[in-house]
């Protein structure tokens, strides 16, 4: 089975790196978050994957509400 590196990026302001990481984690874990776009890297390609391309589900489950 292939291995993938999956990343999610956000820009935000914070007093320091630990606080920035905590803020990003809180946003990503928020059920109302629209954090559904990821960069997926493998040995052969980089792909942007949007799990909610129609932006219909603020829960991030990628299903129509």
PDB file of N, CA and C in Angstrom:
ATOM      1  N   UNK A   1       0.842  -1.165   0.000  1.00  0.00           N
ATOM      2  CA  UNK A   1       0.000   0.000   0.000  1.00  0.00           C
ATOM      3  C   UNK A   1       0.899   1.243   0.000  1.00  0.00           C
ATOM      4  N   UNK A   2       0.603   2.251  -0.828  1.00  0.00           N
ATOM      5  CA  UNK A   2       1.448   3.440  -0.878  1.00  0.00           C
ATOM      6  C   UNK A   2       1.311   4.301   0.382  1.00  0.00           C
ATOM      7  N   UNK A   3       2.341   5.087   0.637  1.00  0.00           N
ATOM      8  CA  UNK A   3       2.302   6.034   1.753  1.00  0.00           C
ATOM      9  C   UNK A   3       2.048   7.424   1.213  1.00  0.00           C
ATOM     10  N   UNK A   4       1.337   8.231   2.001  1.00  0.00           N
ATOM     11  CA  UNK A   4       1.006   9.598   1.617  1.00  0.00           C
ATOM     12  C   UNK A   4       1.334  10.548   2.757  1.00  0.00           C
ATOM     13  N   UNK A   5       1.721  11.745   2.402  1.00  0.00           N
ATOM     14  CA  UNK A   5       1.864  12.837   3.362  1.00  0.00           C
ATOM     15  C   UNK A   5       0.674  13.754   3.125  1.00  0.00           C
ATOM     16  N   UNK A   6      -0.135  13.956   4.148  1.00  0.00           N
ATOM     17  CA  UNK A   6      -1.333  14.771   4.023  1.00  0.00           C
ATOM     18  C   UNK A   6      -1.157  16.013   4.888  1.00  0.00           C
ATOM     19  N   UNK A   7      -1.393  17.185   4.279  1.00  0.00           N
ATOM     20  CA  UNK A   7      -1.235  18.423   5.043  1.00  0.00           C
ATOM     21  C   UNK A   7      -2.412  19.352   4.817  1.00  0.00           C
ATOM     22  N   UNK A   8      -2.650  20.170   5.805  1.00  0.00           N
ATOM     23  CA  UNK A   8      -3.678  21.187   5.789  1.00  0.00           C
ATOM     24  C   UNK A   8      -2.992  22.465   6.219  1.00  0.00           C
ATOM     25  N   UNK A   9      -3.249  23.562   5.530  1.00  0.00           N
ATOM     26  CA  UNK A   9      -2.551  24.807   5.810  1.00  0.00           C
ATOM     27  C   UNK A   9      -3.540  25.903   6.176  1.00  0.00           C
ATOM     28  N   UNK A  10      -3.151  26.704   7.159  1.00  0.00           N
ATOM     29  CA  UNK A  10      -3.945  27.859   7.557  1.00  0.00           C
ATOM     30  C   UNK A  10      -2.985  28.965   7.969  1.00  0.00           C
ATOM     31  N   UNK A  11      -3.348  30.190   7.658  1.00  0.00           N
ATOM     32  CA  UNK A  11      -2.577  31.342   8.129  1.00  0.00           C
ATOM     33  C   UNK A  11      -3.355  31.995   9.258  1.00  0.00           C
ATOM     34  N   UNK A  12      -2.673  32.221  10.384  1.00  0.00           N
ATOM     35  CA  UNK A  12      -3.319  32.885  11.506  1.00  0.00           C
ATOM     36  C   UNK A  12      -2.283  33.619  12.331  1.00  0.00           C
ATOM     37  N   UNK A  13      -2.759  34.520  13.148  1.00  0.00           N
ATOM     38  CA  UNK A  13      -1.872  35.277  14.037  1.00  0.00           C
ATOM     39  C   UNK A  13      -1.931  34.664  15.425  1.00  0.00           C
ATOM     40  N   UNK A  14      -0.767  34.601  16.079  1.00  0.00           N
ATOM     41  CA  UNK A  14      -0.675  34.055  17.436  1.00  0.00           C
ATOM     42  C   UNK A  14       0.588  34.602  18.084  1.00  0.00           C
ATOM     43  N   UNK A  15       0.645  34.578  19.416  1.00  0.00           N
ATOM     44  CA  UNK A  15       1.824  35.082  20.122  1.00  0.00           C
ATOM     45  C   UNK A  15       3.083  34.259  19.889  1.00  0.00           C
ATOM     46  N   UNK A  16       2.931  32.994  19.535  1.00  0.00           N
ATOM     47  CA  UNK A  16       4.094  32.132  19.335  1.00  0.00           C
ATOM     48  C   UNK A  16       3.700  30.861  18.612  1.00  0.00           C
ATOM     49  N   UNK A  17       4.681  29.997  18.298  1.00  0.00           N
ATOM     50  CA  UNK A  17       4.405  28.790  17.531  1.00  0.00           C
ATOM     51  C   UNK A  17       3.504  27.783  18.238  1.00  0.00           C
ATOM     52  N   UNK A  18       3.640  27.632  19.536  1.00  0.00           N
ATOM     53  CA  UNK A  18       2.794  26.680  20.260  1.00  0.00           C
ATOM     54  C   UNK A  18       1.349  27.162  20.251  1.00  0.00           C
ATOM     55  N   UNK A  19       1.160  28.448  20.466  1.00  0.00           N
ATOM     56  CA  UNK A  19      -0.188  29.009  20.446  1.00  0.00           C
ATOM     57  C   UNK A  19      -0.800  28.911  19.040  1.00  0.00           C
ATOM     58  N   UNK A  20       0.022  29.096  18.017  1.00  0.00           N
ATOM     59  CA  UNK A  20      -0.453  28.967  16.638  1.00  0.00           C
ATOM     60  C   UNK A  20      -0.894  27.529  16.357  1.00  0.00           C
ATOM     61  N   UNK A  21      -0.107  26.568  16.811  1.00  0.00           N
ATOM     62  CA  UNK A  21      -0.463  25.169  16.614  1.00  0.00           C
ATOM     63  C   UNK A  21      -1.751  24.826  17.360  1.00  0.00           C
ATOM     64  N   UNK A  22      -1.899  25.331  18.577  1.00  0.00           N
ATOM     65  CA  UNK A  22      -3.124  25.072  19.348  1.00  0.00           C
ATOM     66  C   UNK A  22      -4.342  25.692  18.668  1.00  0.00           C
ATOM     67  N   UNK A  23      -4.190  26.904  18.151  1.00  0.00           N
ATOM     68  CA  UNK A  23      -5.307  27.561  17.460  1.00  0.00           C
ATOM     69  C   UNK A  23      -5.691  26.791  16.198  1.00  0.00           C
ATOM     70  N   UNK A  24      -4.706  26.336  15.437  1.00  0.00           N
ATOM     71  CA  UNK A  24      -4.981  25.567  14.222  1.00  0.00           C
ATOM     72  C   UNK A  24      -5.673  24.247  14.558  1.00  0.00           C
ATOM     73  N   UNK A  25      -5.227  23.590  15.602  1.00  0.00           N
ATOM     74  CA  UNK A  25      -5.849  22.328  16.014  1.00  0.00           C
ATOM     75  C   UNK A  25      -7.296  22.554  16.429  1.00  0.00           C
ATOM     76  N   UNK A  26      -7.551  23.620  17.166  1.00  0.00           N
ATOM     77  CA  UNK A  26      -8.922  23.918  17.587  1.00  0.00           C
ATOM     78  C   UNK A  26      -9.820  24.174  16.381  1.00  0.00           C
ATOM     79  N   UNK A  27      -9.312  24.884  15.395  1.00  0.00           N
ATOM     80  CA  UNK A  27     -10.089  25.141  14.176  1.00  0.00           C
ATOM     81  C   UNK A  27     -10.342  23.850  13.432  1.00  0.00           C
ATOM     82  N   UNK A  28      -9.321  23.023  13.317  1.00  0.00           N
ATOM     83  CA  UNK A  28      -9.462  21.785  12.553  1.00  0.00           C
ATOM     84  C   UNK A  28     -10.410  20.804  13.227  1.00  0.00           C
ATOM     85  N   UNK A  29     -10.449  20.787  14.546  1.00  0.00           N
ATOM     86  CA  UNK A  29     -11.325  19.860  15.277  1.00  0.00           C
ATOM     87  C   UNK A  29     -12.746  20.385  15.444  1.00  0.00           C
ATOM     88  N   UNK A  30     -12.963  21.651  15.145  1.00  0.00           N
ATOM     89  CA  UNK A  30     -14.281  22.253  15.294  1.00  0.00           C
ATOM     90  C   UNK A  30     -15.252  21.602  14.305  1.00  0.00           C
ATOM     91  N   UNK A  31     -16.355  21.017  14.777  1.00  0.00           N
ATOM     92  CA  UNK A  31     -17.295  20.363  13.865  1.00  0.00           C
ATOM     93  C   UNK A  31     -17.876  21.307  12.807  1.00  0.00           C
ATOM     94  N   UNK A  32     -17.877  22.595  13.060  1.00  0.00           N
ATOM     95  CA  UNK A  32     -18.404  23.561  12.091  1.00  0.00           C
ATOM     96  C   UNK A  32     -17.318  24.059  11.135  1.00  0.00           C
ATOM     97  N   UNK A  33     -16.116  23.534  11.255  1.00  0.00           N
ATOM     98  CA  UNK A  33     -14.997  23.986  10.429  1.00  0.00           C
ATOM     99  C   UNK A  33     -15.171  23.596   8.973  1.00  0.00           C
ATOM    100  N   UNK A  34     -14.739  24.483   8.088  1.00  0.00           N
ATOM    101  CA  UNK A  34     -14.741  24.205   6.648  1.00  0.00           C
ATOM    102  C   UNK A  34     -13.357  23.753   6.212  1.00  0.00           C
ATOM    103  N   UNK A  35     -12.555  23.241   7.117  1.00  0.00           N
ATOM    104  CA  UNK A  35     -11.191  22.785   6.806  1.00  0.00           C
ATOM    105  C   UNK A  35     -11.250  21.437   6.124  1.00  0.00           C
ATOM    106  N   UNK A  36     -11.606  21.441   4.837  1.00  0.00           N
ATOM    107  CA  UNK A  36     -11.812  20.190   4.112  1.00  0.00           C
ATOM    108  C   UNK A  36     -10.877  20.032   2.921  1.00  0.00           C
ATOM    109  N   UNK A  37      -9.958  20.982   2.730  1.00  0.00           N
ATOM    110  CA  UNK A  37      -9.046  20.917   1.584  1.00  0.00           C
ATOM    111  C   UNK A  37      -7.655  20.528   2.089  1.00  0.00           C
ATOM    112  N   UNK A  38      -7.090  19.480   1.479  1.00  0.00           N
ATOM    113  CA  UNK A  38      -5.806  18.944   1.904  1.00  0.00           C
ATOM    114  C   UNK A  38      -4.868  18.823   0.706  1.00  0.00           C
ATOM    115  N   UNK A  39      -3.586  18.924   0.971  1.00  0.00           N
ATOM    116  CA  UNK A  39      -2.575  18.597  -0.022  1.00  0.00           C
ATOM    117  C   UNK A  39      -2.086  17.197   0.304  1.00  0.00           C
ATOM    118  N   UNK A  40      -2.157  16.317  -0.678  1.00  0.00           N
ATOM    119  CA  UNK A  40      -1.764  14.921  -0.490  1.00  0.00           C
ATOM    120  C   UNK A  40      -0.571  14.641  -1.399  1.00  0.00           C
ATOM    121  N   UNK A  41       0.551  14.252  -0.785  1.00  0.00           N
ATOM    122  CA  UNK A  41       1.784  14.002  -1.531  1.00  0.00           C
ATOM    123  C   UNK A  41       2.156  12.529  -1.467  1.00  0.00           C
ATOM    124  N   UNK A  42       2.607  12.032  -2.602  1.00  0.00           N
ATOM    125  CA  UNK A  42       3.148  10.675  -2.657  1.00  0.00           C
ATOM    126  C   UNK A  42       4.503  10.754  -3.335  1.00  0.00           C
ATOM    127  N   UNK A  43       5.111   9.630  -3.587  1.00  0.00           N
ATOM    128  CA  UNK A  43       6.397   9.608  -4.287  1.00  0.00           C
ATOM    129  C   UNK A  43       6.272  10.111  -5.720  1.00  0.00           C
ATOM    130  N   UNK A  44       5.071  10.049  -6.275  1.00  0.00           N
ATOM    131  CA  UNK A  44       4.908  10.368  -7.691  1.00  0.00           C
ATOM    132  C   UNK A  44       4.094  11.610  -7.993  1.00  0.00           C
ATOM    133  N   UNK A  45       3.317  12.131  -7.022  1.00  0.00           N
ATOM    134  CA  UNK A  45       2.481  13.291  -7.331  1.00  0.00           C
ATOM    135  C   UNK A  45       2.055  14.054  -6.088  1.00  0.00           C
ATOM    136  N   UNK A  46       1.655  15.304  -6.304  1.00  0.00           N
ATOM    137  CA  UNK A  46       1.025  16.142  -5.296  1.00  0.00           C
ATOM    138  C   UNK A  46      -0.390  16.430  -5.794  1.00  0.00           C
ATOM    139  N   UNK A  47      -1.372  16.201  -4.942  1.00  0.00           N
ATOM    140  CA  UNK A  47      -2.761  16.392  -5.328  1.00  0.00           C
ATOM    141  C   UNK A  47      -3.460  17.226  -4.271  1.00  0.00           C
ATOM    142  N   UNK A  48      -4.304  18.163  -4.699  1.00  0.00           N
ATOM    143  CA  UNK A  48      -5.170  18.882  -3.781  1.00  0.00           C
ATOM    144  C   UNK A  48      -6.501  18.153  -3.745  1.00  0.00           C
ATOM    145  N   UNK A  49      -6.933  17.770  -2.546  1.00  0.00           N
ATOM    146  CA  UNK A  49      -8.182  17.028  -2.373  1.00  0.00           C
ATOM    147  C   UNK A  49      -9.140  17.884  -1.553  1.00  0.00           C
ATOM    148  N   UNK A  50     -10.307  18.176  -2.135  1.00  0.00           N
ATOM    149  CA  UNK A  50     -11.356  18.909  -1.437  1.00  0.00           C
ATOM    150  C   UNK A  50     -12.459  17.911  -1.112  1.00  0.00           C
ATOM    151  N   UNK A  51     -12.637  17.605   0.163  1.00  0.00           N
ATOM    152  CA  UNK A  51     -13.634  16.623   0.578  1.00  0.00           C
ATOM    153  C   UNK A  51     -15.052  17.181   0.573  1.00  0.00           C
ATOM    154  N   UNK A  52     -15.190  18.470   0.327  1.00  0.00           N
ATOM    155  CA  UNK A  52     -16.506  19.102   0.233  1.00  0.00           C
ATOM    156  C   UNK A  52     -16.470  20.135  -0.888  1.00  0.00           C
ATOM    157  N   UNK A  53     -16.308  19.701  -2.146  1.00  0.00           N
ATOM    158  CA  UNK A  53     -16.102  20.635  -3.250  1.00  0.00           C
ATOM    159  C   UNK A  53     -17.253  21.593  -3.502  1.00  0.00           C
ATOM    160  N   UNK A  54     -18.451  21.227  -3.097  1.00  0.00           N
ATOM    161  CA  UNK A  54     -19.589  22.125  -3.288  1.00  0.00           C
ATOM    162  C   UNK A  54     -19.829  23.013  -2.064  1.00  0.00           C
ATOM    163  N   UNK A  55     -18.999  22.871  -1.040  1.00  0.00           N
ATOM    164  CA  UNK A  55     -19.103  23.662   0.195  1.00  0.00           C
ATOM    165  C   UNK A  55     -20.511  23.591   0.781  1.00  0.00           C
ATOM    166  N   UNK A  56     -21.018  22.374   0.867  1.00  0.00           N
ATOM    167  CA  UNK A  56     -22.378  22.172   1.357  1.00  0.00           C
ATOM    168  C   UNK A  56     -22.440  21.714   2.803  1.00  0.00           C
ATOM    169  N   UNK A  57     -21.306  21.309   3.357  1.00  0.00           N
ATOM    170  CA  UNK A  57     -21.345  20.703   4.686  1.00  0.00           C
ATOM    171  C   UNK A  57     -20.340  21.339   5.630  1.00  0.00           C
ATOM    172  N   UNK A  58     -20.771  22.264   6.485  1.00  0.00           N
ATOM    173  CA  UNK A  58     -19.830  22.890   7.408  1.00  0.00           C
ATOM    174  C   UNK A  58     -19.261  21.945   8.451  1.00  0.00           C
ATOM    175  N   UNK A  59     -19.798  20.736   8.584  1.00  0.00           N
ATOM    176  CA  UNK A  59     -19.253  19.786   9.559  1.00  0.00           C
ATOM    177  C   UNK A  59     -17.963  19.147   9.043  1.00  0.00           C
ATOM    178  N   UNK A  60     -17.697  19.242   7.737  1.00  0.00           N
ATOM    179  CA  UNK A  60     -16.499  18.637   7.188  1.00  0.00           C
ATOM    180  C   UNK A  60     -16.666  17.195   6.774  1.00  0.00           C
ATOM    181  N   UNK A  61     -17.873  16.659   6.826  1.00  0.00           N
ATOM    182  CA  UNK A  61     -18.091  15.272   6.463  1.00  0.00           C
ATOM    183  C   UNK A  61     -18.291  15.091   4.954  1.00  0.00           C
ATOM    184  N   UNK A  62     -18.394  16.202   4.228  1.00  0.00           N
ATOM    185  CA  UNK A  62     -18.506  16.125   2.777  1.00  0.00           C
ATOM    186  C   UNK A  62     -19.860  15.621   2.303  1.00  0.00           C
ATOM    187  N   UNK A  63     -20.897  15.815   3.106  1.00  0.00           N
ATOM    188  CA  UNK A  63     -22.225  15.404   2.685  1.00  0.00           C
ATOM    189  C   UNK A  63     -23.135  16.612   2.643  1.00  0.00           C
ATOM    190  N   UNK A  64     -24.118  16.588   1.765  1.00  0.00           N
ATOM    191  CA  UNK A  64     -25.037  17.704   1.614  1.00  0.00           C
ATOM    192  C   UNK A  64     -25.894  17.852   2.874  1.00  0.00           C
ATOM    193  N   UNK A  65     -26.048  19.098   3.331  1.00  0.00           N
ATOM    194  CA  UNK A  65     -26.860  19.360   4.522  1.00  0.00           C
ATOM    195  C   UNK A  65     -28.262  19.736   4.132  1.00  0.00           C
TER     196      UNK A  65
END
